[in-house]
N, C-alpha and C. Protein backbone atom coordinates (compact mmCIF):
# COMPACT_ATOMS: atom_id res chain seq x y z
N MET A 1 20.56 5.32 -6.13
CA MET A 1 20.59 4.01 -5.51
C MET A 1 19.30 3.79 -4.72
N ASN A 2 18.72 2.62 -4.85
CA ASN A 2 17.49 2.30 -4.15
C ASN A 2 17.77 1.92 -2.71
N PRO A 3 16.90 2.35 -1.79
CA PRO A 3 17.07 1.94 -0.39
C PRO A 3 16.88 0.43 -0.24
N ILE A 4 17.51 -0.14 0.74
CA ILE A 4 17.39 -1.57 1.00
C ILE A 4 16.10 -1.80 1.79
N LYS A 5 15.34 -2.78 1.38
CA LYS A 5 14.07 -3.08 2.03
C LYS A 5 14.24 -4.14 3.11
N ALA A 6 15.17 -3.91 4.01
CA ALA A 6 15.45 -4.89 5.05
C ALA A 6 14.58 -4.67 6.29
N ASN A 7 14.16 -3.45 6.50
CA ASN A 7 13.31 -3.14 7.65
C ASN A 7 12.47 -1.91 7.35
N LEU A 8 11.61 -1.56 8.25
CA LEU A 8 10.69 -0.44 8.00
C LEU A 8 11.41 0.90 7.94
N ASN A 9 12.54 1.03 8.60
CA ASN A 9 13.27 2.30 8.60
C ASN A 9 13.92 2.61 7.26
N THR A 10 14.26 1.59 6.51
CA THR A 10 14.92 1.80 5.22
C THR A 10 13.99 1.59 4.03
N TRP A 11 12.71 1.38 4.31
CA TRP A 11 11.76 1.13 3.23
C TRP A 11 11.59 2.39 2.38
N PRO A 12 11.63 2.28 1.05
CA PRO A 12 11.45 3.46 0.20
C PRO A 12 10.03 4.02 0.35
N ARG A 13 9.95 5.35 0.39
CA ARG A 13 8.65 6.01 0.58
C ARG A 13 8.52 7.18 -0.37
N ARG A 14 7.26 7.56 -0.62
CA ARG A 14 6.98 8.76 -1.39
C ARG A 14 7.15 9.97 -0.48
N LYS A 15 7.08 11.15 -1.05
CA LYS A 15 7.24 12.37 -0.26
C LYS A 15 6.17 12.50 0.82
N ASN A 16 4.98 11.97 0.57
CA ASN A 16 3.91 12.05 1.56
C ASN A 16 3.98 10.94 2.61
N GLY A 17 5.00 10.10 2.54
CA GLY A 17 5.20 9.04 3.53
C GLY A 17 4.69 7.68 3.13
N GLU A 18 3.97 7.58 2.03
CA GLU A 18 3.46 6.28 1.59
C GLU A 18 4.60 5.33 1.26
N PRO A 19 4.51 4.08 1.73
CA PRO A 19 5.51 3.10 1.30
C PRO A 19 5.34 2.82 -0.19
N ILE A 20 6.44 2.55 -0.85
CA ILE A 20 6.42 2.25 -2.28
C ILE A 20 6.50 0.74 -2.46
N PHE A 21 5.51 0.19 -3.17
CA PHE A 21 5.49 -1.23 -3.51
C PHE A 21 5.62 -1.35 -5.02
N ARG A 22 6.62 -2.06 -5.47
CA ARG A 22 6.79 -2.27 -6.91
C ARG A 22 6.24 -3.62 -7.35
N THR A 23 6.12 -4.55 -6.38
CA THR A 23 5.60 -5.88 -6.69
C THR A 23 4.70 -6.34 -5.54
N THR A 24 3.96 -7.42 -5.81
CA THR A 24 3.15 -8.03 -4.76
C THR A 24 4.04 -8.52 -3.63
N ASN A 25 5.21 -9.03 -3.97
CA ASN A 25 6.14 -9.50 -2.94
C ASN A 25 6.54 -8.37 -2.00
N ASP A 26 6.74 -7.17 -2.55
CA ASP A 26 7.03 -6.01 -1.71
C ASP A 26 5.90 -5.78 -0.71
N ALA A 27 4.67 -5.81 -1.20
CA ALA A 27 3.51 -5.56 -0.35
C ALA A 27 3.39 -6.60 0.75
N ILE A 28 3.64 -7.85 0.41
CA ILE A 28 3.53 -8.93 1.40
C ILE A 28 4.67 -8.84 2.41
N PHE A 29 5.86 -8.54 1.96
CA PHE A 29 6.99 -8.40 2.88
C PHE A 29 6.76 -7.23 3.84
N TYR A 30 6.27 -6.11 3.30
CA TYR A 30 5.98 -4.95 4.15
C TYR A 30 4.92 -5.33 5.19
N ALA A 31 3.92 -6.09 4.78
CA ALA A 31 2.88 -6.52 5.72
C ALA A 31 3.47 -7.35 6.85
N GLN A 32 4.43 -8.21 6.52
CA GLN A 32 5.06 -9.03 7.56
C GLN A 32 5.84 -8.16 8.54
N LEU A 33 6.47 -7.11 8.04
CA LEU A 33 7.22 -6.21 8.92
C LEU A 33 6.31 -5.32 9.76
N ALA A 34 5.18 -4.91 9.18
CA ALA A 34 4.32 -3.91 9.83
C ALA A 34 3.14 -4.50 10.60
N SER A 35 2.90 -5.78 10.51
CA SER A 35 1.68 -6.36 11.07
C SER A 35 1.53 -6.17 12.57
N ARG A 36 2.59 -6.03 13.29
CA ARG A 36 2.54 -5.88 14.75
C ARG A 36 2.50 -4.42 15.21
N LYS A 37 2.59 -3.50 14.27
CA LYS A 37 2.63 -2.08 14.60
C LYS A 37 1.30 -1.44 14.22
N GLU A 38 0.46 -1.23 15.23
CA GLU A 38 -0.91 -0.75 15.00
C GLU A 38 -0.94 0.59 14.27
N SER A 39 0.00 1.48 14.57
CA SER A 39 0.01 2.79 13.91
C SER A 39 0.28 2.64 12.41
N LEU A 40 1.16 1.73 12.04
CA LEU A 40 1.43 1.50 10.62
C LEU A 40 0.25 0.85 9.92
N VAL A 41 -0.45 -0.02 10.60
CA VAL A 41 -1.63 -0.65 10.02
C VAL A 41 -2.70 0.40 9.76
N THR A 42 -2.87 1.33 10.71
CA THR A 42 -3.84 2.41 10.54
C THR A 42 -3.44 3.31 9.38
N GLU A 43 -2.14 3.67 9.30
CA GLU A 43 -1.66 4.49 8.18
C GLU A 43 -1.89 3.78 6.86
N LEU A 44 -1.60 2.50 6.81
CA LEU A 44 -1.78 1.73 5.59
C LEU A 44 -3.24 1.73 5.15
N HIS A 45 -4.14 1.60 6.12
CA HIS A 45 -5.57 1.65 5.81
C HIS A 45 -5.94 3.01 5.21
N GLU A 46 -5.38 4.09 5.74
CA GLU A 46 -5.64 5.43 5.21
C GLU A 46 -5.06 5.59 3.81
N TYR A 47 -3.85 5.09 3.57
CA TYR A 47 -3.25 5.16 2.24
C TYR A 47 -4.09 4.39 1.22
N ARG A 48 -4.60 3.25 1.67
CA ARG A 48 -5.43 2.42 0.79
C ARG A 48 -6.71 3.17 0.42
N ALA A 49 -7.35 3.78 1.41
CA ALA A 49 -8.59 4.53 1.16
C ALA A 49 -8.32 5.71 0.22
N LYS A 50 -7.19 6.38 0.40
CA LYS A 50 -6.84 7.52 -0.46
C LYS A 50 -6.60 7.04 -1.90
N ALA A 51 -5.95 5.92 -2.07
CA ALA A 51 -5.70 5.39 -3.41
C ALA A 51 -7.01 5.08 -4.12
N TYR A 52 -7.98 4.51 -3.38
CA TYR A 52 -9.28 4.23 -3.97
C TYR A 52 -10.03 5.52 -4.31
N ARG A 53 -9.93 6.54 -3.45
CA ARG A 53 -10.57 7.83 -3.74
C ARG A 53 -9.95 8.47 -4.98
N ASP A 54 -8.61 8.45 -5.05
CA ASP A 54 -7.92 9.01 -6.22
C ASP A 54 -8.35 8.30 -7.50
N LEU A 55 -8.45 6.98 -7.43
CA LEU A 55 -8.88 6.20 -8.58
C LEU A 55 -10.31 6.56 -8.98
N ALA A 56 -11.19 6.66 -8.02
CA ALA A 56 -12.58 7.00 -8.31
C ALA A 56 -12.69 8.40 -8.91
N ASN A 57 -11.93 9.34 -8.37
CA ASN A 57 -11.95 10.71 -8.90
C ASN A 57 -11.44 10.75 -10.34
N GLN A 58 -10.40 10.02 -10.61
CA GLN A 58 -9.84 9.99 -11.96
C GLN A 58 -10.82 9.36 -12.95
N ARG A 59 -11.56 8.35 -12.49
CA ARG A 59 -12.52 7.65 -13.36
C ARG A 59 -13.71 8.52 -13.72
N THR A 60 -14.06 9.49 -12.87
CA THR A 60 -15.24 10.32 -13.14
C THR A 60 -14.95 11.45 -14.11
N LYS A 61 -13.69 11.69 -14.43
CA LYS A 61 -13.36 12.75 -15.38
C LYS A 61 -13.85 12.42 -16.77
N LYS A 62 -14.17 13.45 -17.53
CA LYS A 62 -14.69 13.25 -18.88
C LYS A 62 -13.66 12.56 -19.78
N ASN A 63 -12.42 13.02 -19.72
CA ASN A 63 -11.32 12.40 -20.48
C ASN A 63 -10.21 12.00 -19.50
N PRO A 64 -10.37 10.87 -18.83
CA PRO A 64 -9.38 10.49 -17.82
C PRO A 64 -8.02 10.18 -18.44
N ASN A 65 -6.98 10.48 -17.71
CA ASN A 65 -5.62 10.16 -18.12
C ASN A 65 -5.40 8.67 -17.81
N LEU A 66 -5.22 7.88 -18.84
CA LEU A 66 -5.11 6.43 -18.65
C LEU A 66 -3.86 6.03 -17.87
N ASP A 67 -2.79 6.79 -18.02
CA ASP A 67 -1.58 6.51 -17.23
C ASP A 67 -1.85 6.71 -15.74
N ASN A 68 -2.55 7.80 -15.40
CA ASN A 68 -2.90 8.04 -14.00
C ASN A 68 -3.86 6.98 -13.48
N LEU A 69 -4.82 6.59 -14.32
CA LEU A 69 -5.74 5.53 -13.91
C LEU A 69 -4.98 4.25 -13.56
N MET A 70 -4.04 3.89 -14.41
CA MET A 70 -3.26 2.68 -14.16
C MET A 70 -2.43 2.81 -12.89
N GLU A 71 -1.81 3.96 -12.70
CA GLU A 71 -1.00 4.17 -11.50
C GLU A 71 -1.85 4.05 -10.24
N TYR A 72 -3.01 4.70 -10.22
CA TYR A 72 -3.88 4.63 -9.04
C TYR A 72 -4.42 3.23 -8.82
N ALA A 73 -4.76 2.53 -9.91
CA ALA A 73 -5.29 1.17 -9.79
C ALA A 73 -4.24 0.22 -9.21
N VAL A 74 -3.02 0.33 -9.70
CA VAL A 74 -1.94 -0.54 -9.20
C VAL A 74 -1.62 -0.21 -7.75
N LYS A 75 -1.57 1.08 -7.43
CA LYS A 75 -1.29 1.49 -6.05
C LYS A 75 -2.38 0.95 -5.11
N ALA A 76 -3.64 1.09 -5.51
CA ALA A 76 -4.75 0.59 -4.69
C ALA A 76 -4.65 -0.92 -4.53
N GLN A 77 -4.31 -1.62 -5.59
CA GLN A 77 -4.16 -3.08 -5.53
C GLN A 77 -3.04 -3.49 -4.58
N MET A 78 -1.92 -2.82 -4.65
CA MET A 78 -0.79 -3.16 -3.77
C MET A 78 -1.13 -2.91 -2.30
N PHE A 79 -1.79 -1.78 -2.02
CA PHE A 79 -2.20 -1.50 -0.64
C PHE A 79 -3.23 -2.52 -0.17
N ARG A 80 -4.13 -2.93 -1.06
CA ARG A 80 -5.12 -3.95 -0.69
C ARG A 80 -4.44 -5.27 -0.34
N GLU A 81 -3.48 -5.68 -1.18
CA GLU A 81 -2.77 -6.93 -0.92
C GLU A 81 -2.01 -6.87 0.39
N CYS A 82 -1.37 -5.75 0.65
CA CYS A 82 -0.63 -5.58 1.90
C CYS A 82 -1.57 -5.66 3.09
N TYR A 83 -2.68 -4.94 3.01
CA TYR A 83 -3.64 -4.90 4.11
C TYR A 83 -4.26 -6.29 4.34
N GLU A 84 -4.57 -7.01 3.28
CA GLU A 84 -5.12 -8.36 3.44
C GLU A 84 -4.11 -9.31 4.08
N GLU A 85 -2.84 -9.13 3.73
CA GLU A 85 -1.81 -9.97 4.34
C GLU A 85 -1.68 -9.67 5.83
N ILE A 86 -1.77 -8.41 6.19
CA ILE A 86 -1.73 -8.04 7.61
C ILE A 86 -2.91 -8.67 8.35
N GLU A 87 -4.09 -8.59 7.75
CA GLU A 87 -5.26 -9.21 8.38
C GLU A 87 -5.08 -10.72 8.53
N ARG A 88 -4.49 -11.35 7.51
CA ARG A 88 -4.25 -12.79 7.59
C ARG A 88 -3.28 -13.12 8.71
N ILE A 89 -2.17 -12.36 8.77
CA ILE A 89 -1.17 -12.60 9.81
C ILE A 89 -1.77 -12.40 11.20
N ASN A 90 -2.45 -11.30 11.39
CA ASN A 90 -3.02 -11.01 12.70
C ASN A 90 -4.16 -11.96 13.05
N GLY A 91 -4.88 -12.45 12.04
CA GLY A 91 -5.94 -13.42 12.27
C GLY A 91 -5.40 -14.76 12.70
N GLU A 92 -4.25 -15.15 12.16
CA GLU A 92 -3.62 -16.42 12.55
C GLU A 92 -3.16 -16.37 14.00
N ASP A 93 -2.70 -15.20 14.43
CA ASP A 93 -2.24 -15.06 15.82
C ASP A 93 -3.38 -15.24 16.80
N LYS A 94 -4.60 -14.84 16.41
CA LYS A 94 -5.75 -14.93 17.30
C LYS A 94 -6.34 -16.34 17.31
N GLY A 95 -6.21 -17.04 16.18
CA GLY A 95 -6.87 -18.34 16.04
C GLY A 95 -5.98 -19.42 16.35
């Protein structure tokens, strides 16, 4: 059974603590929940950087695994969308 995505405590996560986003809507909803929590924003930034590093490392291999490339690319995209939504939300509060 999948956890309910009603709040940050019940959000599905990987073993390393990364939030799991299956859709852009998941990423945007998570951003709305996490935008006021500076520690989560910092963690999200680190997860995003790691996803980009993993993607770059996979791309430099002589025979890259295309499934892994796709997984890392999608993960990086979801973290980027989440992070951009947090920046938008926090930017609106300041302006």
